[in-house]
């Protein structure tokens, strides 16, 4: 199954670090989108109509899932449901 994980972040965000750390610990690749230092990421963030980061988006072949905030319980459940497993580096 093809998937992509995107995490919208900003510098000095402890909640963002928590979410990124969980994905790193579980060896699940993700694309970080820094809304402060990357104008394209900021534009994409604006289109989400959300006010806070982190926002985790998981895109599969046929679905798109979004988790707002550092809700690791919801992220873990979603990763399991979608069938994403860690990758060895």
PDB file of N, CA and C in Angstrom:
ATOM      1  N   UNK A   1       0.835  -1.176   0.000  1.00  0.00           N
ATOM      2  CA  UNK A   1       0.000   0.000   0.000  1.00  0.00           C
ATOM      3  C   UNK A   1       0.885   1.247   0.000  1.00  0.00           C
ATOM      4  N   UNK A   2       0.511   2.190  -0.790  1.00  0.00           N
ATOM      5  CA  UNK A   2       1.217   3.463  -0.813  1.00  0.00           C
ATOM      6  C   UNK A   2       0.595   4.407   0.204  1.00  0.00           C
ATOM      7  N   UNK A   3       1.448   5.154   0.866  1.00  0.00           N
ATOM      8  CA  UNK A   3       0.956   6.144   1.814  1.00  0.00           C
ATOM      9  C   UNK A   3       1.961   7.284   1.904  1.00  0.00           C
ATOM     10  N   UNK A   4       1.466   8.404   2.421  1.00  0.00           N
ATOM     11  CA  UNK A   4       2.336   9.541   2.710  1.00  0.00           C
ATOM     12  C   UNK A   4       1.868  10.145   4.021  1.00  0.00           C
ATOM     13  N   UNK A   5       2.810  10.443   4.890  1.00  0.00           N
ATOM     14  CA  UNK A   5       2.510  11.116   6.149  1.00  0.00           C
ATOM     15  C   UNK A   5       3.104  12.512   6.077  1.00  0.00           C
ATOM     16  N   UNK A   6       2.277  13.506   6.366  1.00  0.00           N
ATOM     17  CA  UNK A   6       2.720  14.898   6.413  1.00  0.00           C
ATOM     18  C   UNK A   6       2.446  15.416   7.820  1.00  0.00           C
ATOM     19  N   UNK A   7       3.405  16.158   8.370  1.00  0.00           N
ATOM     20  CA  UNK A   7       3.197  16.769   9.681  1.00  0.00           C
ATOM     21  C   UNK A   7       3.474  18.258   9.551  1.00  0.00           C
ATOM     22  N   UNK A   8       2.440  19.061   9.773  1.00  0.00           N
ATOM     23  CA  UNK A   8       2.596  20.515   9.758  1.00  0.00           C
ATOM     24  C   UNK A   8       3.114  20.938  11.128  1.00  0.00           C
ATOM     25  N   UNK A   9       4.222  21.682  11.134  1.00  0.00           N
ATOM     26  CA  UNK A   9       4.906  22.052  12.369  1.00  0.00           C
ATOM     27  C   UNK A   9       5.311  23.516  12.336  1.00  0.00           C
ATOM     28  N   UNK A  10       5.870  23.951  13.456  1.00  0.00           N
ATOM     29  CA  UNK A  10       6.549  25.245  13.515  1.00  0.00           C
ATOM     30  C   UNK A  10       7.695  25.110  14.511  1.00  0.00           C
ATOM     31  N   UNK A  11       8.708  25.973  14.391  1.00  0.00           N
ATOM     32  CA  UNK A  11       9.858  25.882  15.295  1.00  0.00           C
ATOM     33  C   UNK A  11       9.447  26.047  16.765  1.00  0.00           C
ATOM     34  N   UNK A  12      10.199  25.409  17.639  1.00  0.00           N
ATOM     35  CA  UNK A  12      10.010  25.513  19.090  1.00  0.00           C
ATOM     36  C   UNK A  12       8.631  25.062  19.554  1.00  0.00           C
ATOM     37  N   UNK A  13       8.065  24.107  18.867  1.00  0.00           N
ATOM     38  CA  UNK A  13       6.747  23.569  19.211  1.00  0.00           C
ATOM     39  C   UNK A  13       6.956  22.199  19.858  1.00  0.00           C
ATOM     40  N   UNK A  14       6.752  22.128  21.169  1.00  0.00           N
ATOM     41  CA  UNK A  14       6.995  20.865  21.872  1.00  0.00           C
ATOM     42  C   UNK A  14       6.003  19.783  21.455  1.00  0.00           C
ATOM     43  N   UNK A  15       4.775  20.173  21.151  1.00  0.00           N
ATOM     44  CA  UNK A  15       3.786  19.192  20.689  1.00  0.00           C
ATOM     45  C   UNK A  15       4.171  18.626  19.330  1.00  0.00           C
ATOM     46  N   UNK A  16       4.729  19.482  18.478  1.00  0.00           N
ATOM     47  CA  UNK A  16       5.199  19.032  17.160  1.00  0.00           C
ATOM     48  C   UNK A  16       6.337  18.036  17.334  1.00  0.00           C
ATOM     49  N   UNK A  17       7.257  18.344  18.235  1.00  0.00           N
ATOM     50  CA  UNK A  17       8.395  17.460  18.495  1.00  0.00           C
ATOM     51  C   UNK A  17       7.921  16.103  19.008  1.00  0.00           C
ATOM     52  N   UNK A  18       6.876  16.111  19.820  1.00  0.00           N
ATOM     53  CA  UNK A  18       6.322  14.872  20.368  1.00  0.00           C
ATOM     54  C   UNK A  18       5.792  13.979  19.240  1.00  0.00           C
ATOM     55  N   UNK A  19       5.035  14.572  18.326  1.00  0.00           N
ATOM     56  CA  UNK A  19       4.471  13.799  17.216  1.00  0.00           C
ATOM     57  C   UNK A  19       5.580  13.308  16.281  1.00  0.00           C
ATOM     58  N   UNK A  20       6.497  14.192  15.914  1.00  0.00           N
ATOM     59  CA  UNK A  20       7.611  13.795  15.039  1.00  0.00           C
ATOM     60  C   UNK A  20       8.431  12.685  15.699  1.00  0.00           C
ATOM     61  N   UNK A  21       8.679  12.826  16.997  1.00  0.00           N
ATOM     62  CA  UNK A  21       9.446  11.825  17.732  1.00  0.00           C
ATOM     63  C   UNK A  21       8.791  10.458  17.697  1.00  0.00           C
ATOM     64  N   UNK A  22       7.464  10.428  17.813  1.00  0.00           N
ATOM     65  CA  UNK A  22       6.757   9.150  17.773  1.00  0.00           C
ATOM     66  C   UNK A  22       6.952   8.475  16.421  1.00  0.00           C
ATOM     67  N   UNK A  23       6.814   9.233  15.339  1.00  0.00           N
ATOM     68  CA  UNK A  23       7.013   8.657  14.004  1.00  0.00           C
ATOM     69  C   UNK A  23       8.459   8.192  13.823  1.00  0.00           C
ATOM     70  N   UNK A  24       9.416   8.970  14.327  1.00  0.00           N
ATOM     71  CA  UNK A  24      10.828   8.582  14.217  1.00  0.00           C
ATOM     72  C   UNK A  24      11.107   7.309  15.007  1.00  0.00           C
ATOM     73  N   UNK A  25      10.594   7.231  16.235  1.00  0.00           N
ATOM     74  CA  UNK A  25      10.797   6.043  17.075  1.00  0.00           C
ATOM     75  C   UNK A  25      10.233   4.791  16.419  1.00  0.00           C
ATOM     76  N   UNK A  26       9.134   4.960  15.696  1.00  0.00           N
ATOM     77  CA  UNK A  26       8.479   3.826  15.046  1.00  0.00           C
ATOM     78  C   UNK A  26       8.937   3.632  13.605  1.00  0.00           C
ATOM     79  N   UNK A  27       9.979   4.401  13.220  1.00  0.00           N
ATOM     80  CA  UNK A  27      10.584   4.307  11.894  1.00  0.00           C
ATOM     81  C   UNK A  27       9.552   4.400  10.776  1.00  0.00           C
ATOM     82  N   UNK A  28       8.648   5.352  10.927  1.00  0.00           N
ATOM     83  CA  UNK A  28       7.656   5.636   9.893  1.00  0.00           C
ATOM     84  C   UNK A  28       8.047   6.965   9.260  1.00  0.00           C
ATOM     85  N   UNK A  29       8.290   6.938   7.969  1.00  0.00           N
ATOM     86  CA  UNK A  29       8.745   8.151   7.291  1.00  0.00           C
ATOM     87  C   UNK A  29       7.618   9.183   7.212  1.00  0.00           C
ATOM     88  N   UNK A  30       8.020  10.449   7.235  1.00  0.00           N
ATOM     89  CA  UNK A  30       7.049  11.538   7.134  1.00  0.00           C
ATOM     90  C   UNK A  30       7.710  12.733   6.474  1.00  0.00           C
ATOM     91  N   UNK A  31       6.871  13.623   5.987  1.00  0.00           N
ATOM     92  CA  UNK A  31       7.325  14.879   5.410  1.00  0.00           C
ATOM     93  C   UNK A  31       6.956  15.976   6.395  1.00  0.00           C
ATOM     94  N   UNK A  32       7.965  16.704   6.865  1.00  0.00           N
ATOM     95  CA  UNK A  32       7.699  17.818   7.782  1.00  0.00           C
ATOM     96  C   UNK A  32       7.421  19.070   6.967  1.00  0.00           C
ATOM     97  N   UNK A  33       6.350  19.766   7.334  1.00  0.00           N
ATOM     98  CA  UNK A  33       5.968  21.004   6.655  1.00  0.00           C
ATOM     99  C   UNK A  33       5.999  22.131   7.678  1.00  0.00           C
ATOM    100  N   UNK A  34       7.088  22.884   7.677  1.00  0.00           N
ATOM    101  CA  UNK A  34       7.321  23.978   8.624  1.00  0.00           C
ATOM    102  C   UNK A  34       6.568  25.218   8.139  1.00  0.00           C
ATOM    103  N   UNK A  35       5.509  25.586   8.852  1.00  0.00           N
ATOM    104  CA  UNK A  35       4.645  26.677   8.392  1.00  0.00           C
ATOM    105  C   UNK A  35       5.253  28.060   8.598  1.00  0.00           C
ATOM    106  N   UNK A  36       6.354  28.156   9.340  1.00  0.00           N
ATOM    107  CA  UNK A  36       7.016  29.445   9.562  1.00  0.00           C
ATOM    108  C   UNK A  36       8.080  29.695   8.499  1.00  0.00           C
ATOM    109  N   UNK A  37       8.883  28.696   8.220  1.00  0.00           N
ATOM    110  CA  UNK A  37      10.032  28.871   7.327  1.00  0.00           C
ATOM    111  C   UNK A  37       9.802  28.425   5.885  1.00  0.00           C
ATOM    112  N   UNK A  38       8.648  27.838   5.607  1.00  0.00           N
ATOM    113  CA  UNK A  38       8.354  27.356   4.257  1.00  0.00           C
ATOM    114  C   UNK A  38       7.048  27.983   3.770  1.00  0.00           C
ATOM    115  N   UNK A  39       7.125  28.970   2.868  1.00  0.00           N
ATOM    116  CA  UNK A  39       5.913  29.651   2.393  1.00  0.00           C
ATOM    117  C   UNK A  39       4.880  28.702   1.778  1.00  0.00           C
ATOM    118  N   UNK A  40       5.333  27.686   1.062  1.00  0.00           N
ATOM    119  CA  UNK A  40       4.400  26.720   0.464  1.00  0.00           C
ATOM    120  C   UNK A  40       3.654  25.955   1.557  1.00  0.00           C
ATOM    121  N   UNK A  41       4.371  25.530   2.588  1.00  0.00           N
ATOM    122  CA  UNK A  41       3.739  24.825   3.706  1.00  0.00           C
ATOM    123  C   UNK A  41       2.751  25.736   4.415  1.00  0.00           C
ATOM    124  N   UNK A  42       3.097  27.013   4.559  1.00  0.00           N
ATOM    125  CA  UNK A  42       2.199  27.971   5.198  1.00  0.00           C
ATOM    126  C   UNK A  42       0.914  28.120   4.393  1.00  0.00           C
ATOM    127  N   UNK A  43       1.031  28.152   3.083  1.00  0.00           N
ATOM    128  CA  UNK A  43      -0.142  28.267   2.219  1.00  0.00           C
ATOM    129  C   UNK A  43      -1.016  27.013   2.348  1.00  0.00           C
ATOM    130  N   UNK A  44      -0.404  25.851   2.357  1.00  0.00           N
ATOM    131  CA  UNK A  44      -1.150  24.600   2.518  1.00  0.00           C
ATOM    132  C   UNK A  44      -1.837  24.561   3.881  1.00  0.00           C
ATOM    133  N   UNK A  45      -1.135  25.025   4.912  1.00  0.00           N
ATOM    134  CA  UNK A  45      -1.703  25.074   6.262  1.00  0.00           C
ATOM    135  C   UNK A  45      -2.940  25.969   6.280  1.00  0.00           C
ATOM    136  N   UNK A  46      -2.855  27.129   5.629  1.00  0.00           N
ATOM    137  CA  UNK A  46      -3.989  28.045   5.566  1.00  0.00           C
ATOM    138  C   UNK A  46      -5.209  27.406   4.926  1.00  0.00           C
ATOM    139  N   UNK A  47      -4.995  26.574   3.930  1.00  0.00           N
ATOM    140  CA  UNK A  47      -6.099  25.906   3.243  1.00  0.00           C
ATOM    141  C   UNK A  47      -6.787  24.864   4.124  1.00  0.00           C
ATOM    142  N   UNK A  48      -6.121  24.432   5.190  1.00  0.00           N
ATOM    143  CA  UNK A  48      -6.708  23.441   6.100  1.00  0.00           C
ATOM    144  C   UNK A  48      -7.731  24.061   7.043  1.00  0.00           C
ATOM    145  N   UNK A  49      -7.731  25.389   7.149  1.00  0.00           N
ATOM    146  CA  UNK A  49      -8.641  26.109   8.051  1.00  0.00           C
ATOM    147  C   UNK A  49      -8.488  25.676   9.502  1.00  0.00           C
ATOM    148  N   UNK A  50      -7.274  25.418   9.905  1.00  0.00           N
ATOM    149  CA  UNK A  50      -6.966  25.090  11.299  1.00  0.00           C
ATOM    150  C   UNK A  50      -6.101  26.205  11.864  1.00  0.00           C
ATOM    151  N   UNK A  51      -6.053  26.305  13.194  1.00  0.00           N
ATOM    152  CA  UNK A  51      -5.304  27.390  13.822  1.00  0.00           C
ATOM    153  C   UNK A  51      -4.040  26.933  14.524  1.00  0.00           C
ATOM    154  N   UNK A  52      -3.932  25.645  14.803  1.00  0.00           N
ATOM    155  CA  UNK A  52      -2.836  25.162  15.625  1.00  0.00           C
ATOM    156  C   UNK A  52      -2.097  24.009  14.955  1.00  0.00           C
ATOM    157  N   UNK A  53      -0.831  23.877  15.287  1.00  0.00           N
ATOM    158  CA  UNK A  53      -0.032  22.722  14.884  1.00  0.00           C
ATOM    159  C   UNK A  53       0.281  21.920  16.145  1.00  0.00           C
ATOM    160  N   UNK A  54       0.632  20.696  16.044  1.00  0.00           N
ATOM    161  CA  UNK A  54       0.858  19.938  14.828  1.00  0.00           C
ATOM    162  C   UNK A  54      -0.447  19.462  14.191  1.00  0.00           C
ATOM    163  N   UNK A  55      -0.390  19.286  12.895  1.00  0.00           N
ATOM    164  CA  UNK A  55      -1.456  18.614  12.156  1.00  0.00           C
ATOM    165  C   UNK A  55      -0.787  17.471  11.410  1.00  0.00           C
ATOM    166  N   UNK A  56      -1.293  16.282  11.653  1.00  0.00           N
ATOM    167  CA  UNK A  56      -0.774  15.092  10.990  1.00  0.00           C
ATOM    168  C   UNK A  56      -1.772  14.668   9.930  1.00  0.00           C
ATOM    169  N   UNK A  57      -1.291  14.502   8.716  1.00  0.00           N
ATOM    170  CA  UNK A  57      -2.145  14.061   7.615  1.00  0.00           C
ATOM    171  C   UNK A  57      -1.560  12.764   7.068  1.00  0.00           C
ATOM    172  N   UNK A  58      -2.421  11.766   6.950  1.00  0.00           N
ATOM    173  CA  UNK A  58      -2.025  10.492   6.356  1.00  0.00           C
ATOM    174  C   UNK A  58      -2.858  10.304   5.098  1.00  0.00           C
ATOM    175  N   UNK A  59      -2.158  10.145   3.987  1.00  0.00           N
ATOM    176  CA  UNK A  59      -2.816   9.966   2.696  1.00  0.00           C
ATOM    177  C   UNK A  59      -2.499   8.558   2.210  1.00  0.00           C
ATOM    178  N   UNK A  60      -3.541   7.794   1.912  1.00  0.00           N
ATOM    179  CA  UNK A  60      -3.360   6.455   1.356  1.00  0.00           C
ATOM    180  C   UNK A  60      -3.816   6.485  -0.098  1.00  0.00           C
ATOM    181  N   UNK A  61      -3.855   5.316  -0.708  1.00  0.00           N
ATOM    182  CA  UNK A  61      -4.256   5.242  -2.112  1.00  0.00           C
ATOM    183  C   UNK A  61      -5.629   5.860  -2.362  1.00  0.00           C
ATOM    184  N   UNK A  62      -6.532   5.705  -1.403  1.00  0.00           N
ATOM    185  CA  UNK A  62      -7.896   6.161  -1.652  1.00  0.00           C
ATOM    186  C   UNK A  62      -8.501   7.031  -0.551  1.00  0.00           C
ATOM    187  N   UNK A  63      -7.752   7.335   0.510  1.00  0.00           N
ATOM    188  CA  UNK A  63      -8.312   8.126   1.610  1.00  0.00           C
ATOM    189  C   UNK A  63      -7.306   9.124   2.143  1.00  0.00           C
ATOM    190  N   UNK A  64      -7.856  10.099   2.873  1.00  0.00           N
ATOM    191  CA  UNK A  64      -7.038  11.133   3.514  1.00  0.00           C
ATOM    192  C   UNK A  64      -7.534  11.292   4.947  1.00  0.00           C
ATOM    193  N   UNK A  65      -6.627  11.185   5.902  1.00  0.00           N
ATOM    194  CA  UNK A  65      -6.967  11.284   7.322  1.00  0.00           C
ATOM    195  C   UNK A  65      -6.212  12.465   7.920  1.00  0.00           C
ATOM    196  N   UNK A  66      -6.843  13.131   8.880  1.00  0.00           N
ATOM    197  CA  UNK A  66      -6.217  14.304   9.495  1.00  0.00           C
ATOM    198  C   UNK A  66      -6.400  14.248  11.009  1.00  0.00           C
ATOM    199  N   UNK A  67      -5.306  14.479  11.726  1.00  0.00           N
ATOM    200  CA  UNK A  67      -5.345  14.544  13.190  1.00  0.00           C
ATOM    201  C   UNK A  67      -4.770  15.891  13.599  1.00  0.00           C
ATOM    202  N   UNK A  68      -5.554  16.653  14.352  1.00  0.00           N
ATOM    203  CA  UNK A  68      -5.110  17.960  14.828  1.00  0.00           C
ATOM    204  C   UNK A  68      -4.607  17.808  16.259  1.00  0.00           C
ATOM    205  N   UNK A  69      -3.424  18.335  16.505  1.00  0.00           N
ATOM    206  CA  UNK A  69      -2.854  18.291  17.846  1.00  0.00           C
ATOM    207  C   UNK A  69      -2.005  17.050  18.071  1.00  0.00           C
ATOM    208  N   UNK A  70      -1.428  16.965  19.280  1.00  0.00           N
ATOM    209  CA  UNK A  70      -0.524  15.856  19.595  1.00  0.00           C
ATOM    210  C   UNK A  70      -1.261  14.636  20.141  1.00  0.00           C
ATOM    211  N   UNK A  71      -2.340  14.244  19.484  1.00  0.00           N
ATOM    212  CA  UNK A  71      -3.165  13.140  19.948  1.00  0.00           C
ATOM    213  C   UNK A  71      -2.546  11.809  19.498  1.00  0.00           C
ATOM    214  N   UNK A  72      -1.539  11.356  20.251  1.00  0.00           N
ATOM    215  CA  UNK A  72      -0.818  10.142  19.863  1.00  0.00           C
ATOM    216  C   UNK A  72      -1.706   8.907  19.874  1.00  0.00           C
ATOM    217  N   UNK A  73      -2.686   8.872  20.768  1.00  0.00           N
ATOM    218  CA  UNK A  73      -3.594   7.726  20.805  1.00  0.00           C
ATOM    219  C   UNK A  73      -4.344   7.615  19.477  1.00  0.00           C
ATOM    220  N   UNK A  74      -4.847   8.738  18.995  1.00  0.00           N
ATOM    221  CA  UNK A  74      -5.576   8.743  17.724  1.00  0.00           C
ATOM    222  C   UNK A  74      -4.635   8.423  16.559  1.00  0.00           C
ATOM    223  N   UNK A  75      -3.430   8.976  16.595  1.00  0.00           N
ATOM    224  CA  UNK A  75      -2.454   8.713  15.532  1.00  0.00           C
ATOM    225  C   UNK A  75      -2.091   7.228  15.501  1.00  0.00           C
ATOM    226  N   UNK A  76      -1.831   6.630  16.675  1.00  0.00           N
ATOM    227  CA  UNK A  76      -1.482   5.201  16.741  1.00  0.00           C
ATOM    228  C   UNK A  76      -2.607   4.339  16.181  1.00  0.00           C
ATOM    229  N   UNK A  77      -3.847   4.662  16.570  1.00  0.00           N
ATOM    230  CA  UNK A  77      -5.001   3.907  16.080  1.00  0.00           C
ATOM    231  C   UNK A  77      -5.114   4.020  14.571  1.00  0.00           C
ATOM    232  N   UNK A  78      -4.936   5.219  14.062  1.00  0.00           N
ATOM    233  CA  UNK A  78      -5.034   5.451  12.622  1.00  0.00           C
ATOM    234  C   UNK A  78      -3.935   4.710  11.859  1.00  0.00           C
ATOM    235  N   UNK A  79      -2.707   4.776  12.362  1.00  0.00           N
ATOM    236  CA  UNK A  79      -1.586   4.080  11.715  1.00  0.00           C
ATOM    237  C   UNK A  79      -1.862   2.573  11.667  1.00  0.00           C
ATOM    238  N   UNK A  80      -2.391   2.030  12.751  1.00  0.00           N
ATOM    239  CA  UNK A  80      -2.717   0.603  12.801  1.00  0.00           C
ATOM    240  C   UNK A  80      -3.851   0.271  11.842  1.00  0.00           C
ATOM    241  N   UNK A  81      -4.900   1.085  11.853  1.00  0.00           N
ATOM    242  CA  UNK A  81      -6.063   0.863  10.989  1.00  0.00           C
ATOM    243  C   UNK A  81      -5.684   0.910   9.516  1.00  0.00           C
ATOM    244  N   UNK A  82      -4.857   1.884   9.165  1.00  0.00           N
ATOM    245  CA  UNK A  82      -4.437   2.055   7.772  1.00  0.00           C
ATOM    246  C   UNK A  82      -3.457   0.955   7.362  1.00  0.00           C
ATOM    247  N   UNK A  83      -2.728   0.417   8.329  1.00  0.00           N
ATOM    248  CA  UNK A  83      -1.794  -0.667   8.040  1.00  0.00           C
ATOM    249  C   UNK A  83      -0.382  -0.209   7.738  1.00  0.00           C
ATOM    250  N   UNK A  84       0.007   0.920   8.318  1.00  0.00           N
ATOM    251  CA  UNK A  84       1.363   1.430   8.122  1.00  0.00           C
ATOM    252  C   UNK A  84       2.281   0.765   9.136  1.00  0.00           C
ATOM    253  N   UNK A  85       3.415   0.298   8.666  1.00  0.00           N
ATOM    254  CA  UNK A  85       4.404  -0.256   9.589  1.00  0.00           C
ATOM    255  C   UNK A  85       5.729   0.452   9.374  1.00  0.00           C
ATOM    256  N   UNK A  86       6.566   0.418  10.387  1.00  0.00           N
ATOM    257  CA  UNK A  86       7.863   1.083  10.319  1.00  0.00           C
ATOM    258  C   UNK A  86       8.747   0.493   9.238  1.00  0.00           C
ATOM    259  N   UNK A  87       9.665   1.312   8.786  1.00  0.00           N
ATOM    260  CA  UNK A  87      10.590   0.893   7.739  1.00  0.00           C
ATOM    261  C   UNK A  87      11.985   0.832   8.321  1.00  0.00           C
ATOM    262  N   UNK A  88      12.729  -0.173   7.943  1.00  0.00           N
ATOM    263  CA  UNK A  88      14.115  -0.227   8.404  1.00  0.00           C
ATOM    264  C   UNK A  88      14.956   0.696   7.537  1.00  0.00           C
ATOM    265  N   UNK A  89      15.896   1.373   8.178  1.00  0.00           N
ATOM    266  CA  UNK A  89      16.738   2.324   7.444  1.00  0.00           C
ATOM    267  C   UNK A  89      18.043   1.691   7.055  1.00  0.00           C
TER     268      UNK A  89
END
